[in-house]
Amino acid sequence: MSAGAWFVILLALVGANLPFVNQRLFAVAPMGRPVKALWLRLVEMVVAYFVVGLLAWLVESRIGNVFGQGWEFYAVTAALFVVFAFPGFVYRYLWRHRRA
């Protein structure tokens, strides 16, 4: 695989887990509440999916011709993005955190 493909995969891993490992809106803006709601984390994850997809399209266009994709491609990449988000979800909601 080329360096561009590895870059996109790494970007997808980071983008999928970012909503679960911080309490800021899109990892930038501080929230008024101490804890983000799950629905807001999922919205951030969907936005990250589209941002990563756009960056992947840009990388592909730099390498050569951009190939058209059907709905199957988007269904598989969305499912893969959800799988990539699993470690962040486990860390946030299933892992027992010690309270000091």
Protein backbone atom coordinates (compact mmCIF):
# COMPACT_ATOMS: atom_id res chain seq x y z
CA MET A 1 0.00 0.00 0.00
CA SER A 2 1.13 3.52 -0.65
CA ALA A 3 1.90 6.12 1.99
CA GLY A 4 -1.32 7.95 1.07
CA ALA A 5 -3.43 4.91 1.89
CA TRP A 6 -1.71 4.45 5.26
CA PHE A 7 -2.24 8.14 5.97
CA VAL A 8 -5.97 7.82 5.31
CA ILE A 9 -6.24 4.74 7.54
CA LEU A 10 -4.38 6.48 10.37
CA LEU A 11 -6.54 9.57 9.93
CA ALA A 12 -9.68 7.41 10.09
CA LEU A 13 -8.48 5.78 13.33
CA VAL A 14 -7.81 9.14 14.93
CA GLY A 15 -11.01 10.72 13.60
CA ALA A 16 -13.19 7.86 14.78
CA ASN A 17 -11.79 7.86 18.32
CA LEU A 18 -11.42 11.61 18.84
CA PRO A 19 -15.03 12.24 19.95
CA PHE A 20 -14.68 9.65 22.71
CA VAL A 21 -11.37 10.70 24.24
CA ASN A 22 -12.06 14.38 24.93
CA GLN A 23 -14.80 16.59 26.34
CA ARG A 24 -14.47 19.42 23.81
CA LEU A 25 -16.73 20.00 20.83
CA PHE A 26 -14.83 18.74 17.76
CA ALA A 27 -11.73 18.62 20.02
CA VAL A 28 -11.49 22.41 19.86
CA ALA A 29 -14.33 24.32 21.53
CA PRO A 30 -14.87 23.89 25.29
CA MET A 31 -18.29 22.66 26.33
CA GLY A 32 -20.52 24.28 28.95
CA ARG A 33 -21.15 20.89 30.56
CA PRO A 34 -18.50 18.71 32.16
CA VAL A 35 -19.55 15.61 30.14
CA LYS A 36 -20.58 15.43 26.47
CA ALA A 37 -23.74 13.52 25.62
CA LEU A 38 -23.55 10.34 23.54
CA TRP A 39 -25.67 11.82 20.73
CA LEU A 40 -23.19 14.70 20.40
CA ARG A 41 -20.28 12.26 20.21
CA LEU A 42 -22.09 10.37 17.44
CA VAL A 43 -22.71 13.61 15.51
CA GLU A 44 -19.00 14.41 15.81
CA MET A 45 -18.17 10.94 14.54
CA VAL A 46 -20.41 11.37 11.47
CA VAL A 47 -18.82 14.73 10.71
CA ALA A 48 -15.37 13.14 11.12
CA TYR A 49 -16.39 10.38 8.67
CA PHE A 50 -17.17 12.96 6.00
CA VAL A 51 -14.01 14.98 6.70
CA VAL A 52 -11.86 11.85 6.45
CA GLY A 53 -13.72 10.89 3.25
CA LEU A 54 -13.02 14.28 1.74
CA LEU A 55 -9.35 14.06 2.65
CA ALA A 56 -9.19 10.52 1.22
CA TRP A 57 -10.73 11.81 -2.00
CA LEU A 58 -8.09 14.58 -2.14
CA VAL A 59 -5.29 12.05 -1.60
CA GLU A 60 -6.74 9.82 -4.33
CA SER A 61 -7.02 12.74 -6.74
CA ARG A 62 -3.36 13.62 -6.14
CA ILE A 63 -2.27 10.04 -6.86
CA GLY A 64 -4.24 9.62 -10.09
CA ASN A 65 -7.77 9.22 -11.36
CA VAL A 66 -10.62 9.32 -8.87
CA PHE A 67 -12.86 6.29 -9.31
CA GLY A 68 -16.61 6.55 -8.91
CA GLN A 69 -18.09 4.59 -6.02
CA GLY A 70 -21.48 3.03 -5.45
CA TRP A 71 -23.49 2.81 -2.27
CA GLU A 72 -21.69 -0.40 -1.31
CA PHE A 73 -18.41 1.48 -0.90
CA TYR A 74 -19.95 4.02 1.44
CA ALA A 75 -21.73 1.32 3.47
CA VAL A 76 -18.47 -0.59 3.96
CA THR A 77 -16.42 2.51 4.83
CA ALA A 78 -19.06 3.71 7.31
CA ALA A 79 -19.06 0.28 8.98
CA LEU A 80 -15.27 0.30 9.06
CA PHE A 81 -15.31 3.77 10.64
CA VAL A 82 -17.64 2.49 13.37
CA VAL A 83 -15.30 -0.45 13.98
CA PHE A 84 -12.37 1.97 14.21
CA ALA A 85 -14.33 3.92 16.89
CA PHE A 86 -14.73 0.85 19.10
CA PRO A 87 -11.59 1.42 21.25
CA GLY A 88 -12.68 4.97 22.07
CA PHE A 89 -16.20 3.82 22.89
CA VAL A 90 -14.87 1.10 25.19
CA TYR A 91 -12.58 3.59 26.91
CA ARG A 92 -15.39 6.10 27.47
CA TYR A 93 -18.37 3.89 28.36
CA LEU A 94 -17.24 0.37 29.27
CA TRP A 95 -13.88 0.81 31.00
CA ARG A 96 -13.98 1.35 34.75
CA HIS A 97 -12.22 4.60 35.59
CA ARG A 98 -10.71 5.03 39.02
CA ARG A 99 -12.05 7.95 40.95
CA ALA A 100 -9.54 9.75 43.12
